Amino acid sequence: AEVRALLCWHVVEETEHKAVMFDILEEHLGTGSRAYAMRVAGLLATVAVLVPNYFLTMARLLQHDGELTNVRSMARCIRDFM
């Protein structure tokens, strides 16, 4: 419960950072279709790096705890990710 509360707080903080970054990008790139395409490309690149890293890190942590082959542990981690 404590970790969940910390993660929820972190999500709110990251949302604030996203809003600030959006304002900066809009100021420097403008608001046209080129700016939109650059934002989309940045999002896709970020997702392509973060999602695999999440699952690799999850697998390493489960392996360290001896839970890598525990299907329930894996399902719980995936469920919590979604």
PDB file of N, CA and C in Angstrom:
ATOM      1  N   ALA A   1       0.829  -1.209   0.000  1.00  0.00           N
ATOM      2  CA  ALA A   1       0.000   0.000   0.000  1.00  0.00           C
ATOM      3  C   ALA A   1       0.865   1.261   0.000  1.00  0.00           C
ATOM      4  N   GLU A   2       1.971   1.224   0.749  1.00  0.00           N
ATOM      5  CA  GLU A   2       2.850   2.400   0.812  1.00  0.00           C
ATOM      6  C   GLU A   2       3.529   2.651  -0.528  1.00  0.00           C
ATOM      7  N   VAL A   3       3.972   1.582  -1.173  1.00  0.00           N
ATOM      8  CA  VAL A   3       4.620   1.723  -2.475  1.00  0.00           C
ATOM      9  C   VAL A   3       3.617   2.229  -3.502  1.00  0.00           C
ATOM     10  N   ARG A   4       2.400   1.707  -3.468  1.00  0.00           N
ATOM     11  CA  ARG A   4       1.361   2.163  -4.397  1.00  0.00           C
ATOM     12  C   ARG A   4       1.107   3.653  -4.221  1.00  0.00           C
ATOM     13  N   ALA A   5       1.025   4.124  -2.970  1.00  0.00           N
ATOM     14  CA  ALA A   5       0.812   5.551  -2.715  1.00  0.00           C
ATOM     15  C   ALA A   5       1.976   6.375  -3.256  1.00  0.00           C
ATOM     16  N   LEU A   6       3.194   5.891  -3.062  1.00  0.00           N
ATOM     17  CA  LEU A   6       4.366   6.592  -3.579  1.00  0.00           C
ATOM     18  C   LEU A   6       4.337   6.657  -5.101  1.00  0.00           C
ATOM     19  N   LEU A   7       3.987   5.549  -5.745  1.00  0.00           N
ATOM     20  CA  LEU A   7       3.917   5.531  -7.201  1.00  0.00           C
ATOM     21  C   LEU A   7       2.816   6.450  -7.725  1.00  0.00           C
ATOM     22  N   CYS A   8       1.687   6.494  -7.052  1.00  0.00           N
ATOM     23  CA  CYS A   8       0.610   7.403  -7.464  1.00  0.00           C
ATOM     24  C   CYS A   8       1.060   8.855  -7.355  1.00  0.00           C
ATOM     25  N   TRP A   9       1.744   9.200  -6.283  1.00  0.00           N
ATOM     26  CA  TRP A   9       2.279  10.552  -6.132  1.00  0.00           C
ATOM     27  C   TRP A   9       3.269  10.843  -7.257  1.00  0.00           C
ATOM     28  N   HIS A  10       4.099   9.870  -7.586  1.00  0.00           N
ATOM     29  CA  HIS A  10       5.099  10.047  -8.633  1.00  0.00           C
ATOM     30  C   HIS A  10       4.429  10.290  -9.986  1.00  0.00           C
ATOM     31  N   VAL A  11       3.337   9.580 -10.259  1.00  0.00           N
ATOM     32  CA  VAL A  11       2.602   9.769 -11.509  1.00  0.00           C
ATOM     33  C   VAL A  11       2.075  11.202 -11.600  1.00  0.00           C
ATOM     34  N   VAL A  12       1.543  11.714 -10.507  1.00  0.00           N
ATOM     35  CA  VAL A  12       1.041  13.093 -10.501  1.00  0.00           C
ATOM     36  C   VAL A  12       2.184  14.065 -10.769  1.00  0.00           C
ATOM     37  N   GLU A  13       3.318  13.837 -10.148  1.00  0.00           N
ATOM     38  CA  GLU A  13       4.479  14.705 -10.346  1.00  0.00           C
ATOM     39  C   GLU A  13       4.961  14.652 -11.800  1.00  0.00           C
ATOM     40  N   GLU A  14       4.998  13.456 -12.373  1.00  0.00           N
ATOM     41  CA  GLU A  14       5.429  13.317 -13.767  1.00  0.00           C
ATOM     42  C   GLU A  14       4.444  14.001 -14.718  1.00  0.00           C
ATOM     43  N   THR A  15       3.163  13.985 -14.390  1.00  0.00           N
ATOM     44  CA  THR A  15       2.173  14.682 -15.206  1.00  0.00           C
ATOM     45  C   THR A  15       2.456  16.180 -15.224  1.00  0.00           C
ATOM     46  N   GLU A  16       2.851  16.705 -14.089  1.00  0.00           N
ATOM     47  CA  GLU A  16       3.229  18.121 -14.027  1.00  0.00           C
ATOM     48  C   GLU A  16       4.456  18.388 -14.904  1.00  0.00           C
ATOM     49  N   HIS A  17       5.445  17.501 -14.843  1.00  0.00           N
ATOM     50  CA  HIS A  17       6.634  17.659 -15.687  1.00  0.00           C
ATOM     51  C   HIS A  17       6.252  17.615 -17.164  1.00  0.00           C
ATOM     52  N   LYS A  18       5.325  16.724 -17.504  1.00  0.00           N
ATOM     53  CA  LYS A  18       4.876  16.604 -18.897  1.00  0.00           C
ATOM     54  C   LYS A  18       4.245  17.905 -19.367  1.00  0.00           C
ATOM     55  N   ALA A  19       3.454  18.530 -18.514  1.00  0.00           N
ATOM     56  CA  ALA A  19       2.805  19.787 -18.887  1.00  0.00           C
ATOM     57  C   ALA A  19       3.842  20.885 -19.122  1.00  0.00           C
ATOM     58  N   VAL A  20       4.845  20.940 -18.275  1.00  0.00           N
ATOM     59  CA  VAL A  20       5.902  21.941 -18.441  1.00  0.00           C
ATOM     60  C   VAL A  20       6.665  21.680 -19.739  1.00  0.00           C
ATOM     61  N   MET A  21       6.994  20.419 -19.993  1.00  0.00           N
ATOM     62  CA  MET A  21       7.733  20.083 -21.209  1.00  0.00           C
ATOM     63  C   MET A  21       6.911  20.394 -22.453  1.00  0.00           C
ATOM     64  N   PHE A  22       5.619  20.146 -22.391  1.00  0.00           N
ATOM     65  CA  PHE A  22       4.761  20.463 -23.531  1.00  0.00           C
ATOM     66  C   PHE A  22       4.802  21.959 -23.830  1.00  0.00           C
ATOM     67  N   ASP A  23       4.737  22.776 -22.787  1.00  0.00           N
ATOM     68  CA  ASP A  23       4.807  24.229 -22.979  1.00  0.00           C
ATOM     69  C   ASP A  23       6.132  24.639 -23.616  1.00  0.00           C
ATOM     70  N   ILE A  24       7.216  24.017 -23.175  1.00  0.00           N
ATOM     71  CA  ILE A  24       8.536  24.326 -23.734  1.00  0.00           C
ATOM     72  C   ILE A  24       8.605  23.910 -25.206  1.00  0.00           C
ATOM     73  N   LEU A  25       8.138  22.703 -25.503  1.00  0.00           N
ATOM     74  CA  LEU A  25       8.138  22.239 -26.889  1.00  0.00           C
ATOM     75  C   LEU A  25       7.289  23.140 -27.775  1.00  0.00           C
ATOM     76  N   GLU A  26       6.134  23.520 -27.295  1.00  0.00           N
ATOM     77  CA  GLU A  26       5.252  24.380 -28.070  1.00  0.00           C
ATOM     78  C   GLU A  26       5.907  25.730 -28.349  1.00  0.00           C
ATOM     79  N   GLU A  27       6.624  26.239 -27.361  1.00  0.00           N
ATOM     80  CA  GLU A  27       7.300  27.519 -27.536  1.00  0.00           C
ATOM     81  C   GLU A  27       8.417  27.426 -28.583  1.00  0.00           C
ATOM     82  N   HIS A  28       9.139  26.320 -28.595  1.00  0.00           N
ATOM     83  CA  HIS A  28      10.286  26.188 -29.491  1.00  0.00           C
ATOM     84  C   HIS A  28       9.935  25.587 -30.845  1.00  0.00           C
ATOM     85  N   LEU A  29       8.953  24.689 -30.888  1.00  0.00           N
ATOM     86  CA  LEU A  29       8.619  24.020 -32.146  1.00  0.00           C
ATOM     87  C   LEU A  29       7.394  24.602 -32.833  1.00  0.00           C
ATOM     88  N   GLY A  30       6.582  25.312 -32.083  1.00  0.00           N
ATOM     89  CA  GLY A  30       5.344  25.836 -32.652  1.00  0.00           C
ATOM     90  C   GLY A  30       4.197  24.867 -32.436  1.00  0.00           C
ATOM     91  N   THR A  31       3.126  25.072 -33.209  1.00  0.00           N
ATOM     92  CA  THR A  31       1.927  24.259 -33.013  1.00  0.00           C
ATOM     93  C   THR A  31       1.473  23.552 -34.290  1.00  0.00           C
ATOM     94  N   GLY A  32       2.247  23.604 -35.342  1.00  0.00           N
ATOM     95  CA  GLY A  32       1.844  23.019 -36.618  1.00  0.00           C
ATOM     96  C   GLY A  32       1.991  21.514 -36.670  1.00  0.00           C
ATOM     97  N   SER A  33       1.749  20.975 -37.855  1.00  0.00           N
ATOM     98  CA  SER A  33       1.805  19.524 -38.042  1.00  0.00           C
ATOM     99  C   SER A  33       3.226  18.975 -37.869  1.00  0.00           C
ATOM    100  N   ARG A  34       4.247  19.762 -38.223  1.00  0.00           N
ATOM    101  CA  ARG A  34       5.634  19.319 -38.025  1.00  0.00           C
ATOM    102  C   ARG A  34       5.936  19.157 -36.534  1.00  0.00           C
ATOM    103  N   ALA A  35       5.482  20.096 -35.743  1.00  0.00           N
ATOM    104  CA  ALA A  35       5.684  20.016 -34.293  1.00  0.00           C
ATOM    105  C   ALA A  35       4.969  18.796 -33.720  1.00  0.00           C
ATOM    106  N   TYR A  36       3.757  18.548 -34.202  1.00  0.00           N
ATOM    107  CA  TYR A  36       2.992  17.391 -33.751  1.00  0.00           C
ATOM    108  C   TYR A  36       3.714  16.096 -34.113  1.00  0.00           C
ATOM    109  N   ALA A  37       4.219  16.019 -35.346  1.00  0.00           N
ATOM    110  CA  ALA A  37       4.944  14.828 -35.785  1.00  0.00           C
ATOM    111  C   ALA A  37       6.185  14.593 -34.925  1.00  0.00           C
ATOM    112  N   MET A  38       6.867  15.654 -34.546  1.00  0.00           N
ATOM    113  CA  MET A  38       8.061  15.507 -33.692  1.00  0.00           C
ATOM    114  C   MET A  38       7.670  15.009 -32.296  1.00  0.00           C
ATOM    115  N   ARG A  39       6.552  15.499 -31.772  1.00  0.00           N
ATOM    116  CA  ARG A  39       6.094  15.025 -30.460  1.00  0.00           C
ATOM    117  C   ARG A  39       5.712  13.555 -30.518  1.00  0.00           C
ATOM    118  N   VAL A  40       5.021  13.157 -31.573  1.00  0.00           N
ATOM    119  CA  VAL A  40       4.618  11.758 -31.728  1.00  0.00           C
ATOM    120  C   VAL A  40       5.855  10.868 -31.855  1.00  0.00           C
ATOM    121  N   ALA A  41       6.832  11.303 -32.636  1.00  0.00           N
ATOM    122  CA  ALA A  41       8.066  10.529 -32.790  1.00  0.00           C
ATOM    123  C   ALA A  41       8.778  10.374 -31.448  1.00  0.00           C
ATOM    124  N   GLY A  42       8.805  11.434 -30.673  1.00  0.00           N
ATOM    125  CA  GLY A  42       9.419  11.363 -29.348  1.00  0.00           C
ATOM    126  C   GLY A  42       8.691  10.397 -28.433  1.00  0.00           C
ATOM    127  N   LEU A  43       7.369  10.419 -28.479  1.00  0.00           N
ATOM    128  CA  LEU A  43       6.567   9.498 -27.667  1.00  0.00           C
ATOM    129  C   LEU A  43       6.822   8.053 -28.072  1.00  0.00           C
ATOM    130  N   LEU A  44       6.832   7.788 -29.371  1.00  0.00           N
ATOM    131  CA  LEU A  44       7.058   6.420 -29.844  1.00  0.00           C
ATOM    132  C   LEU A  44       8.446   5.921 -29.451  1.00  0.00           C
ATOM    133  N   ALA A  45       9.452   6.785 -29.563  1.00  0.00           N
ATOM    134  CA  ALA A  45      10.814   6.396 -29.167  1.00  0.00           C
ATOM    135  C   ALA A  45      10.875   6.105 -27.673  1.00  0.00           C
ATOM    136  N   THR A  46      10.200   6.915 -26.890  1.00  0.00           N
ATOM    137  CA  THR A  46      10.197   6.718 -25.440  1.00  0.00           C
ATOM    138  C   THR A  46       9.517   5.410 -25.065  1.00  0.00           C
ATOM    139  N   VAL A  47       8.366   5.144 -25.651  1.00  0.00           N
ATOM    140  CA  VAL A  47       7.644   3.901 -25.364  1.00  0.00           C
ATOM    141  C   VAL A  47       8.474   2.694 -25.795  1.00  0.00           C
ATOM    142  N   ALA A  48       9.150   2.805 -26.941  1.00  0.00           N
ATOM    143  CA  ALA A  48       9.965   1.698 -27.449  1.00  0.00           C
ATOM    144  C   ALA A  48      11.109   1.361 -26.496  1.00  0.00           C
ATOM    145  N   VAL A  49      11.571   2.330 -25.726  1.00  0.00           N
ATOM    146  CA  VAL A  49      12.655   2.094 -24.765  1.00  0.00           C
ATOM    147  C   VAL A  49      12.095   1.687 -23.405  1.00  0.00           C
ATOM    148  N   LEU A  50      11.081   2.393 -22.924  1.00  0.00           N
ATOM    149  CA  LEU A  50      10.602   2.180 -21.555  1.00  0.00           C
ATOM    150  C   LEU A  50       9.863   0.861 -21.346  1.00  0.00           C
ATOM    151  N   VAL A  51       9.006   0.474 -22.266  1.00  0.00           N
ATOM    152  CA  VAL A  51       8.217  -0.750 -22.061  1.00  0.00           C
ATOM    153  C   VAL A  51       9.114  -1.987 -21.977  1.00  0.00           C
ATOM    154  N   PRO A  52      10.036  -2.198 -22.926  1.00  0.00           N
ATOM    155  CA  PRO A  52      10.919  -3.361 -22.773  1.00  0.00           C
ATOM    156  C   PRO A  52      11.771  -3.285 -21.504  1.00  0.00           C
ATOM    157  N   ASN A  53      12.239  -2.084 -21.163  1.00  0.00           N
ATOM    158  CA  ASN A  53      13.026  -1.940 -19.937  1.00  0.00           C
ATOM    159  C   ASN A  53      12.216  -2.303 -18.704  1.00  0.00           C
ATOM    160  N   TYR A  54      10.938  -1.934 -18.688  1.00  0.00           N
ATOM    161  CA  TYR A  54      10.084  -2.272 -17.557  1.00  0.00           C
ATOM    162  C   TYR A  54      10.024  -3.786 -17.375  1.00  0.00           C
ATOM    163  N   PHE A  55       9.747  -4.493 -18.463  1.00  0.00           N
ATOM    164  CA  PHE A  55       9.595  -5.941 -18.356  1.00  0.00           C
ATOM    165  C   PHE A  55      10.919  -6.641 -18.067  1.00  0.00           C
ATOM    166  N   LEU A  56      12.031  -6.137 -18.601  1.00  0.00           N
ATOM    167  CA  LEU A  56      13.340  -6.710 -18.277  1.00  0.00           C
ATOM    168  C   LEU A  56      13.672  -6.507 -16.796  1.00  0.00           C
ATOM    169  N   THR A  57      13.409  -5.320 -16.299  1.00  0.00           N
ATOM    170  CA  THR A  57      13.661  -5.044 -14.885  1.00  0.00           C
ATOM    171  C   THR A  57      12.768  -5.893 -14.002  1.00  0.00           C
ATOM    172  N   MET A  58      11.489  -6.029 -14.381  1.00  0.00           N
ATOM    173  CA  MET A  58      10.567  -6.863 -13.626  1.00  0.00           C
ATOM    174  C   MET A  58      11.076  -8.304 -13.581  1.00  0.00           C
ATOM    175  N   ALA A  59      11.551  -8.809 -14.713  1.00  0.00           N
ATOM    176  CA  ALA A  59      12.060 -10.185 -14.762  1.00  0.00           C
ATOM    177  C   ALA A  59      13.294 -10.341 -13.877  1.00  0.00           C
ATOM    178  N   ARG A  60      14.195  -9.351 -13.909  1.00  0.00           N
ATOM    179  CA  ARG A  60      15.390  -9.429 -13.047  1.00  0.00           C
ATOM    180  C   ARG A  60      15.016  -9.431 -11.572  1.00  0.00           C
ATOM    181  N   LEU A  61      14.075  -8.579 -11.194  1.00  0.00           N
ATOM    182  CA  LEU A  61      13.662  -8.517  -9.785  1.00  0.00           C
ATOM    183  C   LEU A  61      12.974  -9.815  -9.359  1.00  0.00           C
ATOM    184  N   LEU A  62      12.119 -10.350 -10.215  1.00  0.00           N
ATOM    185  CA  LEU A  62      11.455 -11.617  -9.893  1.00  0.00           C
ATOM    186  C   LEU A  62      12.474 -12.751  -9.793  1.00  0.00           C
ATOM    187  N   GLN A  63      13.463 -12.742 -10.689  1.00  0.00           N
ATOM    188  CA  GLN A  63      14.507 -13.768 -10.629  1.00  0.00           C
ATOM    189  C   GLN A  63      15.300 -13.647  -9.323  1.00  0.00           C
ATOM    190  N   HIS A  64      15.628 -12.418  -8.950  1.00  0.00           N
ATOM    191  CA  HIS A  64      16.370 -12.195  -7.699  1.00  0.00           C
ATOM    192  C   HIS A  64      15.599 -12.716  -6.493  1.00  0.00           C
ATOM    193  N   ASP A  65      14.280 -12.566  -6.529  1.00  0.00           N
ATOM    194  CA  ASP A  65      13.433 -13.030  -5.424  1.00  0.00           C
ATOM    195  C   ASP A  65      13.062 -14.508  -5.547  1.00  0.00           C
ATOM    196  N   GLY A  66      13.529 -15.168  -6.594  1.00  0.00           N
ATOM    197  CA  GLY A  66      13.182 -16.569  -6.798  1.00  0.00           C
ATOM    198  C   GLY A  66      11.749 -16.772  -7.263  1.00  0.00           C
ATOM    199  N   GLU A  67      11.161 -15.758  -7.859  1.00  0.00           N
ATOM    200  CA  GLU A  67       9.753 -15.810  -8.264  1.00  0.00           C
ATOM    201  C   GLU A  67       9.570 -15.779  -9.774  1.00  0.00           C
ATOM    202  N   LEU A  68      10.648 -15.857 -10.520  1.00  0.00           N
ATOM    203  CA  LEU A  68      10.553 -15.706 -11.972  1.00  0.00           C
ATOM    204  C   LEU A  68       9.669 -16.772 -12.604  1.00  0.00           C
ATOM    205  N   THR A  69       9.696 -17.971 -12.078  1.00  0.00           N
ATOM    206  CA  THR A  69       8.868 -19.036 -12.647  1.00  0.00           C
ATOM    207  C   THR A  69       7.501 -19.139 -11.979  1.00  0.00           C
ATOM    208  N   ASN A  70       7.216 -18.255 -11.036  1.00  0.00           N
ATOM    209  CA  ASN A  70       5.926 -18.230 -10.362  1.00  0.00           C
ATOM    210  C   ASN A  70       4.932 -17.450 -11.227  1.00  0.00           C
ATOM    211  N   VAL A  71       4.023 -18.160 -11.849  1.00  0.00           N
ATOM    212  CA  VAL A  71       3.087 -17.545 -12.791  1.00  0.00           C
ATOM    213  C   VAL A  71       2.226 -16.486 -12.096  1.00  0.00           C
ATOM    214  N   ARG A  72       1.850 -16.719 -10.859  1.00  0.00           N
ATOM    215  CA  ARG A  72       1.022 -15.739 -10.139  1.00  0.00           C
ATOM    216  C   ARG A  72       1.774 -14.429  -9.918  1.00  0.00           C
ATOM    217  N   SER A  73       3.054 -14.513  -9.572  1.00  0.00           N
ATOM    218  CA  SER A  73       3.853 -13.301  -9.391  1.00  0.00           C
ATOM    219  C   SER A  73       3.958 -12.522 -10.696  1.00  0.00           C
ATOM    220  N   MET A  74       4.211 -13.239 -11.791  1.00  0.00           N
ATOM    221  CA  MET A  74       4.314 -12.584 -13.096  1.00  0.00           C
ATOM    222  C   MET A  74       2.982 -11.930 -13.457  1.00  0.00           C
ATOM    223  N   ALA A  75       1.895 -12.630 -13.269  1.00  0.00           N
ATOM    224  CA  ALA A  75       0.568 -12.087 -13.602  1.00  0.00           C
ATOM    225  C   ALA A  75       0.266 -10.858 -12.761  1.00  0.00           C
ATOM    226  N   ARG A  76       0.638 -10.885 -11.483  1.00  0.00           N
ATOM    227  CA  ARG A  76       0.400  -9.741 -10.600  1.00  0.00           C
ATOM    228  C   ARG A  76       1.192  -8.527 -11.075  1.00  0.00           C
ATOM    229  N   CYS A  77       2.447  -8.720 -11.470  1.00  0.00           N
ATOM    230  CA  CYS A  77       3.274  -7.617 -11.962  1.00  0.00           C
ATOM    231  C   CYS A  77       2.699  -7.035 -13.242  1.00  0.00           C
ATOM    232  N   ILE A  78       2.284  -7.896 -14.140  1.00  0.00           N
ATOM    233  CA  ILE A  78       1.719  -7.424 -15.401  1.00  0.00           C
ATOM    234  C   ILE A  78       0.414  -6.704 -15.143  1.00  0.00           C
ATOM    235  N   ARG A  79      -0.429  -7.245 -14.264  1.00  0.00           N
ATOM    236  CA  ARG A  79      -1.700  -6.603 -13.923  1.00  0.00           C
ATOM    237  C   ARG A  79      -1.460  -5.216 -13.321  1.00  0.00           C
ATOM    238  N   ASP A  80      -0.486  -5.115 -12.422  1.00  0.00           N
ATOM    239  CA  ASP A  80      -0.181  -3.830 -11.800  1.00  0.00           C
ATOM    240  C   ASP A  80       0.375  -2.827 -12.800  1.00  0.00           C
ATOM    241  N   PHE A  81       1.043  -3.326 -13.843  1.00  0.00           N
ATOM    242  CA  PHE A  81       1.573  -2.441 -14.883  1.00  0.00           C
ATOM    243  C   PHE A  81       0.442  -1.830 -15.697  1.00  0.00           C
ATOM    244  N   MET A  82      -0.579  -2.616 -15.945  1.00  0.00           N
ATOM    245  CA  MET A  82      -1.695  -2.138 -16.766  1.00  0.00           C
ATOM    246  C   MET A  82      -2.529  -1.222 -15.940  1.00  0.00           C
TER     247      MET A  82
END
